[in-house]
Amino acid sequence: MLTFDKAIPQSRVTQIAVLEEFSLFLLIADKSLIAYHLDAVCPVGGQQSQNDSARRAPQKLSGNRDVGFFATGRMKDRTLVFYKKREGVSSIFKVIYTRPLSCLYHYNH
């Protein structure tokens, strides 16, 4: 029989994605885009390691609670994450791209 455990303490999750290549788990929770290291969600061997808690800490990728959705894609060997952000009555689309070591960077043009 399968049993399920709550892996991350988030509520109001509306979208998820896995970027396995970078060991990242992305989600929108309470209208915020958040990244977790994949080991925090699915620990290797089923056991969480306590010695690298900084790597397992969630990283908030968006500003305030204003993200409607996100999409991932690839362009020229680079993984991109697009998300729609609400600013007043306008919708703004932001792009985050990956670099080595699973870091995500905002592209401001």
Protein backbone atom coordinates (compact mmCIF):
# COMPACT_ATOMS: atom_id res chain seq x y z
CA MET A 1 0.00 0.00 0.00
CA LEU A 2 1.29 3.46 -0.90
CA THR A 3 1.57 6.15 1.72
CA PHE A 4 2.08 9.84 1.07
CA ASP A 5 3.84 12.37 3.27
CA LYS A 6 3.74 16.14 3.01
CA ALA A 7 7.16 17.10 1.66
CA ILE A 8 6.90 20.89 1.67
CA PRO A 9 4.86 23.15 3.95
CA GLN A 10 2.98 25.17 1.30
CA SER A 11 -0.71 25.83 0.93
CA ARG A 12 -2.73 27.16 -2.00
CA VAL A 13 -0.44 25.54 -4.58
CA THR A 14 -1.81 26.17 -8.07
CA GLN A 15 1.02 25.00 -10.36
CA ILE A 16 4.15 22.84 -10.18
CA ALA A 17 7.03 21.87 -12.48
CA VAL A 18 10.24 19.88 -12.13
CA LEU A 19 13.50 20.99 -13.74
CA GLU A 20 15.31 17.71 -13.20
CA GLU A 21 18.41 18.87 -15.06
CA PHE A 22 18.97 21.50 -12.34
CA SER A 23 17.45 19.52 -9.45
CA LEU A 24 14.76 22.18 -9.00
CA PHE A 25 11.09 21.93 -8.09
CA LEU A 26 9.09 25.06 -8.99
CA LEU A 27 5.66 25.93 -7.69
CA ILE A 28 3.21 28.75 -7.33
CA ALA A 29 1.87 28.93 -3.78
CA ASP A 30 -0.35 31.76 -2.64
CA LYS A 31 0.49 33.54 -5.93
CA SER A 32 4.28 33.50 -5.30
CA LEU A 33 6.76 31.64 -7.52
CA ILE A 34 9.04 29.52 -5.32
CA ALA A 35 11.93 27.15 -6.12
CA TYR A 36 12.97 24.21 -3.95
CA HIS A 37 15.96 21.96 -4.39
CA LEU A 38 14.56 18.66 -5.62
CA ASP A 39 16.22 16.79 -2.73
CA ALA A 40 14.01 18.77 -0.33
CA VAL A 41 10.94 17.36 -2.06
CA CYS A 42 12.22 13.85 -2.90
CA PRO A 43 15.22 13.07 -0.68
CA VAL A 44 17.68 10.53 -2.03
CA GLY A 45 17.17 7.31 -0.13
CA GLY A 46 14.08 8.76 1.55
CA GLN A 47 16.09 10.56 4.25
CA GLN A 48 16.62 14.31 4.52
CA SER A 49 20.19 15.39 5.18
CA GLN A 50 20.59 18.08 7.85
CA ASN A 51 24.11 19.22 6.85
CA ASP A 52 23.15 21.27 3.78
CA SER A 53 19.99 23.05 4.90
CA ALA A 54 20.88 26.26 3.01
CA ARG A 55 20.69 24.42 -0.29
CA ARG A 56 17.30 23.01 0.70
CA ALA A 57 15.82 26.35 1.75
CA PRO A 58 13.14 27.60 -0.64
CA GLN A 59 14.01 30.53 -2.89
CA LYS A 60 11.24 33.02 -3.69
CA LEU A 61 11.63 33.94 -7.35
CA SER A 62 8.86 36.51 -7.68
CA GLY A 63 8.12 39.66 -5.74
CA ASN A 64 4.86 40.05 -3.88
CA ARG A 65 1.91 37.73 -4.26
CA ASP A 66 1.07 38.57 -7.85
CA VAL A 67 2.02 35.59 -10.06
CA GLY A 68 -0.75 34.06 -12.15
CA PHE A 69 1.13 31.28 -13.94
CA PHE A 70 4.51 30.19 -15.27
CA ALA A 71 5.88 28.13 -18.14
CA THR A 72 9.27 26.54 -18.78
CA GLY A 73 11.11 26.14 -22.06
CA ARG A 74 14.51 25.82 -23.69
CA MET A 75 16.31 28.17 -26.06
CA LYS A 76 19.91 27.77 -27.26
CA ASP A 77 20.84 25.25 -24.54
CA ARG A 78 19.44 27.46 -21.80
CA THR A 79 16.40 26.66 -19.67
CA LEU A 80 13.97 29.56 -19.28
CA VAL A 81 11.11 30.12 -16.86
CA PHE A 82 8.47 32.65 -17.90
CA TYR A 83 5.94 33.96 -15.42
CA LYS A 84 3.07 36.44 -15.56
CA LYS A 85 3.04 39.08 -12.88
CA ARG A 86 0.22 41.50 -12.14
CA GLU A 87 1.11 45.19 -11.67
CA GLY A 88 -1.98 47.32 -11.18
CA VAL A 89 -4.22 46.77 -14.19
CA SER A 90 -1.34 45.49 -16.36
CA SER A 91 0.20 42.07 -16.83
CA ILE A 92 3.98 41.89 -16.99
CA PHE A 93 5.84 38.82 -18.27
CA LYS A 94 9.18 38.10 -16.62
CA VAL A 95 11.90 35.68 -17.74
CA ILE A 96 14.24 33.77 -15.45
CA TYR A 97 17.10 31.75 -16.88
CA THR A 98 19.34 29.11 -15.42
CA ARG A 99 23.09 29.13 -15.08
CA PRO A 100 25.40 26.39 -13.82
CA LEU A 101 24.99 25.32 -10.19
CA SER A 102 21.18 25.51 -10.44
CA CYS A 103 21.00 29.25 -9.90
CA LEU A 104 18.11 31.22 -11.38
CA TYR A 105 18.60 34.77 -12.60
CA HIS A 106 16.09 37.40 -13.65
CA TYR A 107 16.47 38.91 -17.08
CA ASN A 108 15.78 42.63 -16.93
CA HIS A 109 15.64 44.23 -20.32
